[in-house]
Amino acid sequence: MVKQELILRSPVRIFEKSIHGGLKPGEVGIIASQSGIGKTSVLVQIALDKLLQAKKVIHVSFTQHTDYVLAWYEDIFNEFIKKKNLENTGDIKNDLVRNRVLMNFSQDGVTGEQIIRSLKALITEGGFKAEALIVDGIDFGRIDRERIDGVKQFARESGLSVWYSCTVKGTPPHYDKRNIPLVIKDYVDLIDVVILLEPKQDHIELAASKDRDAYNPEHMALRLDPKTLLILES
């Protein structure tokens, strides 16, 4: 299979179609679930899809060293190769690496403003014109409305779409009646798309609980393979 065919046939096309074409520049999306369900895998697949289209991606991790994030990209890309018999994998992998920047922060040691300054420096001074920002592992229990508002403003100014992972934890219930994580309820109006990962008996289901102004829209018809954690059609 050639790269263009892989892009056209990717389940991410269905993922994007189910949320009206995917995130636009200046929009913020959240992938939410309990710990260990597959949020990082979904984020990496969204990022890889961008990278395969020669778009630049910045991946920020708050919980994993960059070596572990690299391993996620390597493992998922290798699964793509096995399932799709992708041609010219060496050249494609080189292009992916060239268009991706990985960053690692501690939430204890840096403010939101400092992170945005680092990202601005990379984009403007470094000339790395990214189209997507992936933010994995941040503790939303320590995030306030002002910080999310600042990220949205930065995303609009920079032409970025922003995907976060959000771990729901503690004593249930974790979600309100609209299936919105309670940890983001105070600023859910600033979040454009919320996707939940729901463990089932033999798979993990993807469900949209918010798509812009609509809550609990139509079924996404997507799932994660529990072994490979790849996005598949239901």
Protein backbone atom coordinates (compact mmCIF):
# COMPACT_ATOMS: atom_id res chain seq x y z
CA MET A 1 0.00 0.00 0.00
CA VAL A 2 1.27 3.48 -0.86
CA LYS A 3 1.16 6.30 1.67
CA GLN A 4 -1.68 8.20 -0.01
CA GLU A 5 -3.91 5.13 0.06
CA LEU A 6 -3.12 4.64 3.76
CA ILE A 7 -4.18 8.23 4.45
CA LEU A 8 -7.43 7.90 2.51
CA ARG A 9 -8.36 4.57 4.14
CA SER A 10 -7.34 5.50 7.67
CA PRO A 11 -9.98 5.12 10.41
CA VAL A 12 -8.98 8.66 11.38
CA ARG A 13 -11.01 9.78 8.32
CA ILE A 14 -14.10 8.30 9.98
CA PHE A 15 -13.04 9.79 13.31
CA GLU A 16 -12.82 13.24 11.69
CA LYS A 17 -16.06 12.84 9.76
CA SER A 18 -17.92 11.96 12.95
CA ILE A 19 -16.89 15.32 14.46
CA HIS A 20 -17.55 17.45 11.38
CA GLY A 21 -14.14 17.21 9.77
CA GLY A 22 -12.00 17.07 12.89
CA LEU A 23 -10.59 19.89 14.95
CA LYS A 24 -10.10 23.22 13.19
CA PRO A 25 -7.30 25.71 13.93
CA GLY A 26 -8.00 27.34 17.27
CA GLU A 27 -10.14 24.46 18.55
CA VAL A 28 -9.47 22.25 21.57
CA GLY A 29 -10.44 18.59 21.90
CA ILE A 30 -10.19 16.14 24.79
CA ILE A 31 -9.81 12.35 24.83
CA ALA A 32 -11.06 11.23 28.27
CA SER A 33 -11.10 7.94 30.16
CA GLN A 34 -9.78 6.30 33.27
CA SER A 35 -6.08 5.50 33.38
CA GLY A 36 -4.64 2.84 31.07
CA ILE A 37 -7.51 2.64 28.58
CA GLY A 38 -5.74 3.96 25.45
CA LYS A 39 -5.76 7.77 25.44
CA THR A 40 -2.09 8.10 24.50
CA SER A 41 -2.54 5.61 21.67
CA VAL A 42 -5.43 7.62 20.21
CA LEU A 43 -3.44 10.85 20.45
CA VAL A 44 -0.44 9.26 18.74
CA GLN A 45 -2.66 7.93 15.94
CA ILE A 46 -4.15 11.40 15.40
CA ALA A 47 -0.61 12.80 15.32
CA LEU A 48 0.67 10.09 12.95
CA ASP A 49 -2.19 10.79 10.56
CA LYS A 50 -1.13 14.45 10.44
CA LEU A 51 2.50 13.48 9.98
CA LEU A 52 1.68 11.12 7.12
CA GLN A 53 0.08 14.13 5.40
CA ALA A 54 3.40 16.03 5.80
CA LYS A 55 1.90 18.29 8.49
CA LYS A 56 3.99 19.28 11.48
CA VAL A 57 3.06 18.16 14.99
CA ILE A 58 4.24 19.16 18.47
CA HIS A 59 3.72 16.48 21.13
CA VAL A 60 3.96 17.64 24.76
CA SER A 61 4.04 15.01 27.51
CA PHE A 62 3.66 15.67 31.23
CA THR A 63 3.94 12.09 32.43
CA GLN A 64 6.33 10.23 30.15
CA HIS A 65 9.93 10.88 29.18
CA THR A 66 10.42 11.54 25.47
CA ASP A 67 11.96 8.05 25.08
CA TYR A 68 8.64 6.50 26.08
CA VAL A 69 6.70 8.79 23.74
CA LEU A 70 9.05 7.82 20.91
CA ALA A 71 8.33 4.16 21.69
CA TRP A 72 4.59 4.82 21.30
CA TYR A 73 5.14 6.31 17.84
CA GLU A 74 7.47 3.49 16.86
CA ASP A 75 5.12 0.74 18.05
CA ILE A 76 2.01 2.18 16.41
CA PHE A 77 3.83 2.91 13.15
CA ASN A 78 5.09 -0.68 13.12
CA GLU A 79 1.51 -1.92 13.60
CA PHE A 80 0.51 0.18 10.58
CA ILE A 81 3.26 -1.48 8.56
CA LYS A 82 2.18 -4.97 9.55
CA LYS A 83 -1.50 -4.41 8.81
CA LYS A 84 -1.19 -2.33 5.64
CA ASN A 85 2.04 -3.53 3.94
CA LEU A 86 3.15 0.06 3.57
CA GLU A 87 5.76 0.76 0.89
CA ASN A 88 8.91 2.90 1.32
CA THR A 89 8.65 2.75 5.09
CA GLY A 90 12.18 4.02 5.67
CA ASP A 91 11.62 7.25 3.73
CA ILE A 92 8.20 7.74 5.31
CA LYS A 93 9.59 7.28 8.80
CA ASN A 94 12.30 9.86 8.12
CA ASP A 95 9.64 12.36 7.04
CA LEU A 96 7.62 11.67 10.19
CA VAL A 97 10.61 12.32 12.43
CA ARG A 98 11.46 15.53 10.58
CA ASN A 99 7.94 16.93 11.05
CA ARG A 100 7.56 16.04 14.72
CA VAL A 101 8.85 17.71 17.87
CA LEU A 102 8.56 16.02 21.26
CA MET A 103 8.64 18.08 24.47
CA ASN A 104 8.52 16.98 28.09
CA PHE A 105 7.47 19.10 31.08
CA SER A 106 6.73 18.60 34.75
CA GLN A 107 3.46 20.15 35.82
CA ASP A 108 5.06 21.04 39.14
CA GLY A 109 7.96 22.90 37.63
CA VAL A 110 6.47 25.09 34.92
CA THR A 111 3.52 27.46 34.45
CA GLY A 112 1.10 27.53 31.54
CA GLU A 113 2.57 30.85 30.43
CA GLN A 114 6.09 29.39 30.36
CA ILE A 115 4.94 26.46 28.23
CA ILE A 116 3.21 28.78 25.76
CA ARG A 117 6.36 30.91 25.54
CA SER A 118 8.41 27.78 24.75
CA LEU A 119 5.91 26.76 22.06
CA LYS A 120 5.86 30.25 20.55
CA ALA A 121 9.65 30.27 20.39
CA LEU A 122 9.64 26.91 18.61
CA ILE A 123 7.01 28.02 16.10
CA THR A 124 8.20 31.56 15.39
CA GLU A 125 11.92 31.70 16.13
CA GLY A 126 12.50 28.04 15.31
CA GLY A 127 10.40 28.18 12.16
CA PHE A 128 8.50 25.01 13.09
CA LYS A 129 5.03 25.84 11.73
CA ALA A 130 3.01 23.09 13.38
CA GLU A 131 -0.64 22.40 12.59
CA ALA A 132 -1.42 20.23 15.60
CA LEU A 133 -0.49 20.27 19.28
CA ILE A 134 -0.84 17.07 21.30
CA VAL A 135 -0.83 17.44 25.10
CA ASP A 136 -0.70 14.18 27.06
CA GLY A 137 -0.72 13.47 30.78
CA ILE A 138 -1.67 16.85 32.22
CA ASP A 139 -3.66 16.75 35.48
CA PHE A 140 -6.92 18.55 34.76
CA GLY A 141 -7.62 18.69 38.47
CA ARG A 142 -4.98 21.41 38.57
CA ILE A 143 -6.12 23.30 35.47
CA ASP A 144 -8.37 26.36 35.65
CA ARG A 145 -10.49 28.25 33.14
CA GLU A 146 -7.86 30.96 32.62
CA ARG A 147 -5.28 28.41 31.48
CA ILE A 148 -7.61 26.75 28.95
CA ASP A 149 -8.66 30.17 27.67
CA GLY A 150 -4.99 31.07 27.21
CA VAL A 151 -4.37 27.87 25.25
CA LYS A 152 -7.33 28.57 22.95
CA GLN A 153 -6.08 32.09 22.28
CA PHE A 154 -2.60 30.77 21.53
CA ALA A 155 -4.07 28.09 19.27
CA ARG A 156 -6.05 30.68 17.30
CA GLU A 157 -3.01 32.93 16.92
CA SER A 158 -0.78 30.03 15.85
CA GLY A 159 -3.27 28.18 13.65
CA LEU A 160 -3.08 25.06 15.81
CA SER A 161 -5.61 22.40 16.66
CA VAL A 162 -5.06 21.10 20.21
CA TRP A 163 -5.79 17.59 21.49
CA TYR A 164 -5.50 16.78 25.21
CA SER A 165 -5.74 13.53 27.10
CA CYS A 166 -7.80 13.74 30.30
CA THR A 167 -7.67 11.05 32.99
CA VAL A 168 -10.79 10.76 35.12
CA LYS A 169 -10.01 9.43 38.57
CA GLY A 170 -11.21 9.30 42.13
CA THR A 171 -14.59 8.16 43.39
CA PRO A 172 -17.42 7.85 40.81
CA PRO A 173 -19.36 9.45 39.30
CA HIS A 174 -16.72 10.73 36.88
CA TYR A 175 -19.18 12.25 34.39
CA ASP A 176 -22.26 14.46 34.51
CA LYS A 177 -25.60 13.69 32.82
CA ARG A 178 -24.21 14.89 29.48
CA ASN A 179 -21.24 12.48 29.78
CA ILE A 180 -18.86 15.38 30.35
CA PRO A 181 -15.96 14.66 32.73
CA LEU A 182 -16.70 16.47 36.00
CA VAL A 183 -13.07 17.59 36.18
CA ILE A 184 -13.62 19.95 33.20
CA LYS A 185 -17.21 21.04 33.98
CA ASP A 186 -16.22 24.61 34.93
CA TYR A 187 -14.88 25.39 31.45
CA VAL A 188 -16.46 22.80 29.16
CA ASP A 189 -17.82 25.70 27.09
CA LEU A 190 -14.20 26.37 26.05
CA ILE A 191 -13.73 22.78 24.87
CA ASP A 192 -14.93 22.10 21.34
CA VAL A 193 -14.90 18.29 21.25
CA VAL A 194 -14.95 15.66 24.01
CA ILE A 195 -14.35 11.99 23.15
CA LEU A 196 -14.75 9.23 25.74
CA LEU A 197 -13.02 5.84 25.68
CA GLU A 198 -15.41 3.28 27.12
CA PRO A 199 -14.16 -0.26 27.93
CA LYS A 200 -16.49 -3.01 26.70
CA GLN A 201 -16.19 -6.80 26.98
CA ASP A 202 -13.99 -7.30 23.90
CA HIS A 203 -13.06 -3.79 22.75
CA ILE A 204 -12.81 -0.14 23.73
CA GLU A 205 -15.51 2.08 22.26
CA LEU A 206 -15.00 5.69 21.17
CA ALA A 207 -17.97 7.92 21.96
CA ALA A 208 -18.37 11.67 21.41
CA SER A 209 -20.02 13.37 24.38
CA LYS A 210 -19.57 16.86 22.92
CA ASP A 211 -19.21 18.11 19.35
CA ARG A 212 -19.20 21.90 19.48
CA ASP A 213 -22.75 22.89 20.55
CA ALA A 214 -24.14 19.34 20.46
CA TYR A 215 -23.99 16.99 23.41
CA ASN A 216 -24.02 13.20 22.88
CA PRO A 217 -24.25 13.36 19.07
CA GLU A 218 -24.55 10.32 16.80
CA HIS A 219 -22.53 7.14 17.42
CA MET A 220 -18.94 7.34 16.14
CA ALA A 221 -18.82 3.70 14.89
CA LEU A 222 -15.21 3.37 16.04
CA ARG A 223 -13.40 1.21 18.56
CA LEU A 224 -9.92 0.41 19.80
CA ASP A 225 -8.45 -3.05 19.37
CA PRO A 226 -7.65 -4.03 23.00
CA LYS A 227 -4.38 -5.71 21.93
CA THR A 228 -2.88 -3.20 19.49
CA LEU A 229 -4.91 -0.15 20.66
CA LEU A 230 -5.35 0.81 16.99
CA ILE A 231 -8.51 2.67 15.96
CA LEU A 232 -10.82 0.40 13.98
CA GLU A 233 -14.24 0.67 12.41
CA SER A 234 -17.00 -0.90 14.51
